[in-house]
Amino acid sequence: MFAAEGWSFRRAVSADADEIGRLVRAVYAKYVPIMGREPRPMTADYGVAVRDHQVWILLDGERLLAALVLVADAEDFLLENVAIAAELQGTGIGSRLLAFAEAEAARQGFAEIRLYTNQKMGGNVAFYGRRGYEETHREPFGATQVVHMKKRVA
């Protein structure tokens, strides 16, 4: 999937959890002043995520470039988090990771993939909308709103 760049893409293991947490904290730090608090991905336990969910990582050698957290349960397939190193944002990696997540949802028998984002997180709603996600509803959360979106994959 990323072989042309010489990068590896694999399922995370427990030894990756701390590095995933550091990447996510660095990526989402820009939203703290905008939201007035740490976004939920900054407070997640990535040891638990790696153990209980489908966490994928993109590496350049030993350097973590991106992380993708997918959560499948009996009813839904959720794209819980995608975090890309700041210097690589805007290069198309996010779209490629979304395509992978969508393919995984379909491969695992789900008809759609869901996600949610905060309205204050820049252009996320527009980014996902351009990639075929439709807004399903908004949910109040403190002084902001959580925007729920979905896309058919099968």
N, C-alpha and C. Protein backbone atom coordinates (compact mmCIF):
# COMPACT_ATOMS: atom_id res chain seq x y z
N MET A 1 0.81 -1.20 0.00
CA MET A 1 0.00 0.00 0.00
C MET A 1 0.86 1.27 0.00
N PHE A 2 1.99 1.22 0.68
CA PHE A 2 2.90 2.35 0.70
C PHE A 2 4.31 1.93 0.27
N ALA A 3 4.39 0.83 -0.47
CA ALA A 3 5.69 0.28 -0.86
C ALA A 3 6.47 1.24 -1.76
N ALA A 4 5.78 2.01 -2.59
CA ALA A 4 6.47 2.93 -3.50
C ALA A 4 7.31 3.95 -2.73
N GLU A 5 6.85 4.30 -1.54
CA GLU A 5 7.59 5.26 -0.71
C GLU A 5 8.65 4.58 0.14
N GLY A 6 8.65 3.25 0.15
CA GLY A 6 9.59 2.52 1.01
C GLY A 6 9.12 2.43 2.44
N TRP A 7 7.83 2.67 2.68
CA TRP A 7 7.26 2.63 4.02
C TRP A 7 6.60 1.28 4.26
N SER A 8 6.46 0.94 5.52
CA SER A 8 5.73 -0.28 5.86
C SER A 8 4.42 0.09 6.55
N PHE A 9 3.42 -0.72 6.33
CA PHE A 9 2.10 -0.52 6.91
C PHE A 9 1.70 -1.85 7.52
N ARG A 10 1.45 -1.85 8.82
CA ARG A 10 1.16 -3.11 9.49
C ARG A 10 0.24 -2.89 10.68
N ARG A 11 -0.25 -3.99 11.18
CA ARG A 11 -1.07 -3.98 12.39
C ARG A 11 -0.17 -3.65 13.57
N ALA A 12 -0.63 -2.79 14.45
CA ALA A 12 0.14 -2.42 15.64
C ALA A 12 0.17 -3.56 16.63
N VAL A 13 1.23 -3.60 17.42
CA VAL A 13 1.37 -4.54 18.53
C VAL A 13 1.53 -3.72 19.81
N SER A 14 1.43 -4.39 20.94
CA SER A 14 1.44 -3.68 22.23
C SER A 14 2.68 -2.79 22.39
N ALA A 15 3.80 -3.20 21.86
CA ALA A 15 5.03 -2.40 21.98
C ALA A 15 4.92 -1.07 21.24
N ASP A 16 3.96 -0.92 20.34
CA ASP A 16 3.78 0.33 19.59
C ASP A 16 2.91 1.36 20.31
N ALA A 17 2.22 0.95 21.35
CA ALA A 17 1.20 1.79 21.98
C ALA A 17 1.72 3.14 22.45
N ASP A 18 2.85 3.17 23.13
CA ASP A 18 3.36 4.45 23.64
C ASP A 18 3.71 5.41 22.50
N GLU A 19 4.30 4.88 21.45
CA GLU A 19 4.67 5.73 20.31
C GLU A 19 3.41 6.24 19.59
N ILE A 20 2.39 5.42 19.50
CA ILE A 20 1.12 5.87 18.92
C ILE A 20 0.55 7.01 19.75
N GLY A 21 0.56 6.85 21.06
CA GLY A 21 0.08 7.91 21.94
C GLY A 21 0.84 9.21 21.76
N ARG A 22 2.17 9.12 21.62
CA ARG A 22 2.97 10.34 21.40
C ARG A 22 2.63 11.01 20.07
N LEU A 23 2.47 10.20 19.03
CA LEU A 23 2.11 10.76 17.72
C LEU A 23 0.75 11.46 17.81
N VAL A 24 -0.23 10.79 18.38
CA VAL A 24 -1.57 11.36 18.47
C VAL A 24 -1.54 12.66 19.28
N ARG A 25 -0.84 12.68 20.38
CA ARG A 25 -0.76 13.90 21.19
C ARG A 25 -0.16 15.05 20.39
N ALA A 26 0.90 14.76 19.64
CA ALA A 26 1.53 15.80 18.82
C ALA A 26 0.60 16.29 17.72
N VAL A 27 -0.09 15.39 17.07
CA VAL A 27 -0.97 15.74 15.96
C VAL A 27 -2.16 16.57 16.43
N TYR A 28 -2.76 16.18 17.54
CA TYR A 28 -3.99 16.83 18.00
C TYR A 28 -3.74 18.05 18.89
N ALA A 29 -2.50 18.31 19.27
CA ALA A 29 -2.19 19.43 20.16
C ALA A 29 -2.68 20.77 19.60
N LYS A 30 -2.69 20.91 18.29
CA LYS A 30 -3.13 22.17 17.68
C LYS A 30 -4.59 22.50 17.97
N TYR A 31 -5.38 21.49 18.33
CA TYR A 31 -6.79 21.70 18.60
C TYR A 31 -7.09 22.13 20.04
N VAL A 32 -6.15 21.97 20.94
CA VAL A 32 -6.39 22.29 22.35
C VAL A 32 -6.79 23.76 22.52
N PRO A 33 -6.07 24.73 21.94
CA PRO A 33 -6.50 26.12 22.11
C PRO A 33 -7.86 26.42 21.46
N ILE A 34 -8.15 25.73 20.37
CA ILE A 34 -9.41 25.96 19.66
C ILE A 34 -10.59 25.39 20.45
N MET A 35 -10.39 24.21 21.03
CA MET A 35 -11.47 23.52 21.73
C MET A 35 -11.52 23.85 23.21
N GLY A 36 -10.43 24.34 23.76
CA GLY A 36 -10.38 24.64 25.19
C GLY A 36 -10.18 23.41 26.06
N ARG A 37 -9.82 22.32 25.44
CA ARG A 37 -9.57 21.07 26.15
C ARG A 37 -8.82 20.13 25.20
N GLU A 38 -8.33 19.03 25.75
CA GLU A 38 -7.69 18.03 24.91
C GLU A 38 -8.77 17.24 24.17
N PRO A 39 -8.63 17.09 22.87
CA PRO A 39 -9.57 16.23 22.14
C PRO A 39 -9.47 14.79 22.64
N ARG A 40 -10.56 14.08 22.49
CA ARG A 40 -10.65 12.71 22.98
C ARG A 40 -9.49 11.80 22.55
N PRO A 41 -9.02 11.87 21.29
CA PRO A 41 -7.90 11.00 20.92
C PRO A 41 -6.64 11.21 21.76
N MET A 42 -6.48 12.41 22.31
CA MET A 42 -5.29 12.69 23.13
C MET A 42 -5.35 11.97 24.48
N THR A 43 -6.53 11.60 24.91
CA THR A 43 -6.67 10.99 26.23
C THR A 43 -6.92 9.48 26.16
N ALA A 44 -6.92 8.94 24.96
CA ALA A 44 -7.19 7.50 24.78
C ALA A 44 -6.02 6.67 25.29
N ASP A 45 -6.32 5.46 25.69
CA ASP A 45 -5.32 4.49 26.12
C ASP A 45 -5.02 3.60 24.91
N TYR A 46 -3.88 3.83 24.28
CA TYR A 46 -3.55 3.10 23.06
C TYR A 46 -3.10 1.68 23.33
N GLY A 47 -2.72 1.37 24.54
CA GLY A 47 -2.48 -0.03 24.90
C GLY A 47 -3.77 -0.82 24.80
N VAL A 48 -4.85 -0.25 25.33
CA VAL A 48 -6.17 -0.88 25.25
C VAL A 48 -6.63 -0.92 23.80
N ALA A 49 -6.44 0.16 23.07
CA ALA A 49 -6.86 0.20 21.66
C ALA A 49 -6.17 -0.89 20.85
N VAL A 50 -4.87 -1.04 21.02
CA VAL A 50 -4.14 -2.07 20.28
C VAL A 50 -4.63 -3.46 20.67
N ARG A 51 -4.92 -3.65 21.94
CA ARG A 51 -5.39 -4.95 22.43
C ARG A 51 -6.80 -5.28 21.93
N ASP A 52 -7.70 -4.27 21.96
CA ASP A 52 -9.12 -4.53 21.75
C ASP A 52 -9.65 -4.17 20.37
N HIS A 53 -8.89 -3.41 19.59
CA HIS A 53 -9.39 -2.92 18.31
C HIS A 53 -8.39 -3.21 17.19
N GLN A 54 -8.66 -2.66 16.05
CA GLN A 54 -7.80 -2.85 14.88
C GLN A 54 -6.99 -1.56 14.70
N VAL A 55 -5.76 -1.59 15.13
CA VAL A 55 -4.90 -0.41 15.04
C VAL A 55 -3.80 -0.72 14.03
N TRP A 56 -3.67 0.16 13.06
CA TRP A 56 -2.69 0.02 11.99
C TRP A 56 -1.72 1.19 12.06
N ILE A 57 -0.46 0.93 11.71
CA ILE A 57 0.54 2.00 11.74
C ILE A 57 1.34 2.03 10.44
N LEU A 58 1.73 3.24 10.08
CA LEU A 58 2.57 3.49 8.91
C LEU A 58 3.93 3.91 9.41
N LEU A 59 4.96 3.22 8.94
CA LEU A 59 6.32 3.45 9.42
C LEU A 59 7.28 3.74 8.28
N ASP A 60 8.22 4.62 8.56
CA ASP A 60 9.39 4.83 7.70
C ASP A 60 10.56 4.31 8.52
N GLY A 61 10.94 3.07 8.29
CA GLY A 61 11.92 2.43 9.16
C GLY A 61 11.31 2.27 10.54
N GLU A 62 11.91 2.89 11.53
CA GLU A 62 11.39 2.84 12.90
C GLU A 62 10.51 4.04 13.24
N ARG A 63 10.47 5.02 12.34
CA ARG A 63 9.74 6.27 12.61
C ARG A 63 8.25 6.11 12.28
N LEU A 64 7.40 6.38 13.27
CA LEU A 64 5.96 6.30 13.10
C LEU A 64 5.46 7.53 12.35
N LEU A 65 4.80 7.29 11.21
CA LEU A 65 4.29 8.38 10.37
C LEU A 65 2.80 8.60 10.56
N ALA A 66 2.06 7.52 10.82
CA ALA A 66 0.60 7.63 10.94
C ALA A 66 0.06 6.44 11.71
N ALA A 67 -1.12 6.66 12.28
CA ALA A 67 -1.83 5.59 12.98
C ALA A 67 -3.30 5.67 12.60
N LEU A 68 -3.91 4.50 12.50
CA LEU A 68 -5.31 4.37 12.13
C LEU A 68 -5.97 3.43 13.13
N VAL A 69 -7.05 3.88 13.76
CA VAL A 69 -7.76 3.06 14.75
C VAL A 69 -9.15 2.75 14.21
N LEU A 70 -9.43 1.46 14.07
CA LEU A 70 -10.72 0.98 13.58
C LEU A 70 -11.37 0.14 14.67
N VAL A 71 -12.66 0.33 14.86
CA VAL A 71 -13.40 -0.40 15.90
C VAL A 71 -14.59 -1.09 15.24
N ALA A 72 -14.57 -2.41 15.27
CA ALA A 72 -15.68 -3.19 14.73
C ALA A 72 -16.40 -3.88 15.88
N ASP A 73 -17.73 -3.74 15.90
CA ASP A 73 -18.52 -4.49 16.86
C ASP A 73 -19.62 -5.22 16.09
N ALA A 74 -20.56 -5.77 16.77
CA ALA A 74 -21.60 -6.56 16.11
C ALA A 74 -22.44 -5.73 15.15
N GLU A 75 -22.54 -4.44 15.38
CA GLU A 75 -23.43 -3.59 14.58
C GLU A 75 -22.71 -2.63 13.64
N ASP A 76 -21.58 -2.09 14.08
CA ASP A 76 -20.96 -0.97 13.36
C ASP A 76 -19.47 -1.18 13.13
N PHE A 77 -18.99 -0.46 12.12
CA PHE A 77 -17.56 -0.37 11.85
C PHE A 77 -17.22 1.12 11.93
N LEU A 78 -16.41 1.47 12.90
CA LEU A 78 -16.10 2.86 13.21
C LEU A 78 -14.65 3.18 12.90
N LEU A 79 -14.45 4.24 12.15
CA LEU A 79 -13.12 4.81 12.00
C LEU A 79 -12.96 5.75 13.18
N GLU A 80 -12.27 5.28 14.21
CA GLU A 80 -12.20 6.05 15.45
C GLU A 80 -11.15 7.16 15.40
N ASN A 81 -10.05 6.90 14.71
CA ASN A 81 -8.99 7.90 14.71
C ASN A 81 -8.07 7.66 13.54
N VAL A 82 -7.65 8.74 12.92
CA VAL A 82 -6.57 8.71 11.96
C VAL A 82 -5.66 9.88 12.32
N ALA A 83 -4.41 9.57 12.58
CA ALA A 83 -3.44 10.59 12.97
C ALA A 83 -2.23 10.49 12.05
N ILE A 84 -1.88 11.60 11.43
CA ILE A 84 -0.77 11.64 10.47
C ILE A 84 0.21 12.71 10.94
N ALA A 85 1.48 12.36 10.96
CA ALA A 85 2.51 13.32 11.37
C ALA A 85 2.31 14.65 10.63
N ALA A 86 2.46 15.74 11.35
CA ALA A 86 2.15 17.08 10.82
C ALA A 86 2.83 17.36 9.49
N GLU A 87 4.08 16.97 9.34
CA GLU A 87 4.80 17.29 8.10
C GLU A 87 4.30 16.51 6.89
N LEU A 88 3.48 15.49 7.13
CA LEU A 88 2.94 14.68 6.02
C LEU A 88 1.47 14.95 5.75
N GLN A 89 0.86 15.81 6.54
CA GLN A 89 -0.54 16.14 6.30
C GLN A 89 -0.67 16.90 4.99
N GLY A 90 -1.72 16.61 4.25
CA GLY A 90 -1.94 17.26 2.97
C GLY A 90 -1.23 16.58 1.81
N THR A 91 -0.64 15.42 2.05
CA THR A 91 0.10 14.71 1.00
C THR A 91 -0.69 13.55 0.39
N GLY A 92 -1.92 13.34 0.85
CA GLY A 92 -2.72 12.24 0.33
C GLY A 92 -2.72 10.99 1.19
N ILE A 93 -1.91 10.98 2.24
CA ILE A 93 -1.85 9.80 3.11
C ILE A 93 -3.21 9.57 3.77
N GLY A 94 -3.87 10.63 4.20
CA GLY A 94 -5.17 10.49 4.84
C GLY A 94 -6.19 9.83 3.91
N SER A 95 -6.21 10.23 2.67
CA SER A 95 -7.14 9.63 1.71
C SER A 95 -6.82 8.16 1.49
N ARG A 96 -5.56 7.81 1.47
CA ARG A 96 -5.17 6.42 1.29
C ARG A 96 -5.54 5.58 2.51
N LEU A 97 -5.38 6.15 3.69
CA LEU A 97 -5.77 5.43 4.90
C LEU A 97 -7.29 5.27 4.97
N LEU A 98 -8.02 6.29 4.55
CA LEU A 98 -9.48 6.17 4.50
C LEU A 98 -9.89 5.06 3.54
N ALA A 99 -9.26 5.00 2.38
CA ALA A 99 -9.58 3.95 1.41
C ALA A 99 -9.31 2.57 2.02
N PHE A 100 -8.22 2.44 2.76
CA PHE A 100 -7.92 1.17 3.42
C PHE A 100 -9.00 0.84 4.45
N ALA A 101 -9.38 1.82 5.27
CA ALA A 101 -10.41 1.59 6.29
C ALA A 101 -11.73 1.17 5.65
N GLU A 102 -12.10 1.82 4.57
CA GLU A 102 -13.34 1.49 3.87
C GLU A 102 -13.28 0.07 3.30
N ALA A 103 -12.14 -0.29 2.73
CA ALA A 103 -11.97 -1.65 2.19
C ALA A 103 -12.04 -2.68 3.31
N GLU A 104 -11.47 -2.36 4.47
CA GLU A 104 -11.53 -3.28 5.62
C GLU A 104 -12.97 -3.45 6.10
N ALA A 105 -13.71 -2.36 6.16
CA ALA A 105 -15.11 -2.46 6.57
C ALA A 105 -15.87 -3.40 5.63
N ALA A 106 -15.70 -3.21 4.33
CA ALA A 106 -16.38 -4.06 3.35
C ALA A 106 -15.89 -5.50 3.47
N ARG A 107 -14.58 -5.70 3.60
CA ARG A 107 -14.01 -7.05 3.69
C ARG A 107 -14.56 -7.79 4.91
N GLN A 108 -14.82 -7.04 5.99
CA GLN A 108 -15.32 -7.65 7.22
C GLN A 108 -16.85 -7.76 7.24
N GLY A 109 -17.48 -7.44 6.12
CA GLY A 109 -18.92 -7.66 5.98
C GLY A 109 -19.82 -6.52 6.39
N PHE A 110 -19.28 -5.33 6.55
CA PHE A 110 -20.10 -4.18 6.93
C PHE A 110 -20.55 -3.44 5.67
N ALA A 111 -21.74 -2.91 5.71
CA ALA A 111 -22.28 -2.16 4.58
C ALA A 111 -21.84 -0.70 4.59
N GLU A 112 -21.44 -0.21 5.77
CA GLU A 112 -21.02 1.19 5.87
C GLU A 112 -19.95 1.34 6.93
N ILE A 113 -19.27 2.46 6.84
CA ILE A 113 -18.28 2.85 7.84
C ILE A 113 -18.75 4.16 8.45
N ARG A 114 -18.57 4.27 9.74
CA ARG A 114 -18.98 5.49 10.45
C ARG A 114 -17.74 6.18 11.01
N LEU A 115 -17.90 7.45 11.29
CA LEU A 115 -16.88 8.22 12.00
C LEU A 115 -17.55 9.39 12.66
N TYR A 116 -16.83 10.03 13.54
CA TYR A 116 -17.31 11.28 14.12
C TYR A 116 -16.12 12.21 14.28
N THR A 117 -16.40 13.49 14.24
CA THR A 117 -15.37 14.50 14.39
C THR A 117 -15.98 15.68 15.13
N ASN A 118 -15.15 16.55 15.62
CA ASN A 118 -15.62 17.74 16.30
C ASN A 118 -15.74 18.87 15.30
N GLN A 119 -16.82 19.63 15.37
CA GLN A 119 -17.02 20.74 14.43
C GLN A 119 -15.88 21.75 14.47
N LYS A 120 -15.16 21.82 15.59
CA LYS A 120 -14.08 22.79 15.72
C LYS A 120 -12.75 22.29 15.17
N MET A 121 -12.72 21.08 14.65
CA MET A 121 -11.48 20.52 14.13
C MET A 121 -11.30 20.87 12.65
N GLY A 122 -11.05 22.14 12.42
CA GLY A 122 -10.72 22.60 11.08
C GLY A 122 -11.68 22.14 10.00
N GLY A 123 -11.14 21.65 8.93
CA GLY A 123 -11.95 21.26 7.79
C GLY A 123 -12.29 19.79 7.73
N ASN A 124 -12.32 19.11 8.87
CA ASN A 124 -12.58 17.66 8.85
C ASN A 124 -13.90 17.30 8.19
N VAL A 125 -14.97 18.03 8.51
CA VAL A 125 -16.27 17.70 7.93
C VAL A 125 -16.20 17.82 6.41
N ALA A 126 -15.59 18.88 5.92
CA ALA A 126 -15.46 19.07 4.46
C ALA A 126 -14.55 18.00 3.86
N PHE A 127 -13.45 17.67 4.54
CA PHE A 127 -12.52 16.63 4.06
C PHE A 127 -13.26 15.32 3.86
N TYR A 128 -14.00 14.90 4.88
CA TYR A 128 -14.72 13.64 4.78
C TYR A 128 -15.85 13.73 3.75
N GLY A 129 -16.51 14.87 3.69
CA GLY A 129 -17.58 15.06 2.71
C GLY A 129 -17.07 14.91 1.28
N ARG A 130 -15.89 15.45 0.99
CA ARG A 130 -15.31 15.32 -0.34
C ARG A 130 -14.98 13.87 -0.68
N ARG A 131 -14.89 13.03 0.32
CA ARG A 131 -14.57 11.62 0.11
C ARG A 131 -15.80 10.72 0.23
N GLY A 132 -16.96 11.32 0.13
CA GLY A 132 -18.19 10.55 0.06
C GLY A 132 -18.91 10.29 1.37
N TYR A 133 -18.42 10.85 2.46
CA TYR A 133 -19.09 10.67 3.75
C TYR A 133 -20.22 11.69 3.85
N GLU A 134 -21.34 11.23 4.40
CA GLU A 134 -22.47 12.14 4.59
C GLU A 134 -22.72 12.33 6.08
N GLU A 135 -23.07 13.54 6.42
CA GLU A 135 -23.38 13.84 7.81
C GLU A 135 -24.72 13.21 8.17
N THR A 136 -24.75 12.52 9.32
CA THR A 136 -26.00 11.89 9.75
C THR A 136 -26.69 12.69 10.85
N HIS A 137 -25.89 13.25 11.75
CA HIS A 137 -26.46 14.08 12.81
C HIS A 137 -25.35 14.76 13.58
N ARG A 138 -25.77 15.72 14.39
CA ARG A 138 -24.85 16.43 15.28
C ARG A 138 -25.33 16.22 16.70
N GLU A 139 -24.35 16.19 17.59
CA GLU A 139 -24.64 15.92 18.99
C GLU A 139 -23.92 16.97 19.84
N PRO A 140 -24.65 17.67 20.70
CA PRO A 140 -23.99 18.66 21.56
C PRO A 140 -22.95 17.98 22.46
N PHE A 141 -21.83 18.65 22.61
CA PHE A 141 -20.79 18.16 23.51
C PHE A 141 -20.09 19.37 24.10
N GLY A 142 -20.45 19.73 25.31
CA GLY A 142 -19.90 20.93 25.94
C GLY A 142 -20.25 22.15 25.11
N ALA A 143 -19.23 22.93 24.78
CA ALA A 143 -19.43 24.16 24.03
C ALA A 143 -19.35 23.95 22.52
N THR A 144 -19.38 22.71 22.09
CA THR A 144 -19.24 22.41 20.67
C THR A 144 -20.21 21.30 20.27
N GLN A 145 -20.00 20.77 19.09
CA GLN A 145 -20.83 19.67 18.60
C GLN A 145 -19.96 18.57 18.02
N VAL A 146 -20.41 17.34 18.20
CA VAL A 146 -19.79 16.20 17.55
C VAL A 146 -20.59 15.96 16.27
N VAL A 147 -19.87 15.86 15.16
CA VAL A 147 -20.50 15.64 13.86
C VAL A 147 -20.32 14.16 13.49
N HIS A 148 -21.44 13.47 13.34
CA HIS A 148 -21.42 12.04 12.98
C HIS A 148 -21.60 11.92 11.48
N MET A 149 -20.80 11.02 10.86
CA MET A 149 -20.82 10.84 9.43
C MET A 149 -20.76 9.36 9.09
N LYS A 150 -21.19 9.02 7.87
CA LYS A 150 -21.09 7.62 7.43
C LYS A 150 -20.90 7.58 5.93
N LYS A 151 -20.45 6.42 5.47
CA LYS A 151 -20.27 6.18 4.04
C LYS A 151 -20.60 4.73 3.76
N ARG A 152 -21.35 4.47 2.70
CA ARG A 152 -21.62 3.10 2.27
C ARG A 152 -20.36 2.53 1.64
N VAL A 153 -20.07 1.28 1.98
CA VAL A 153 -18.86 0.64 1.44
C VAL A 153 -19.17 -0.66 0.72
N ALA A 154 -20.39 -1.15 0.82
CA ALA A 154 -20.74 -2.42 0.17
C ALA A 154 -22.07 -2.28 -0.54
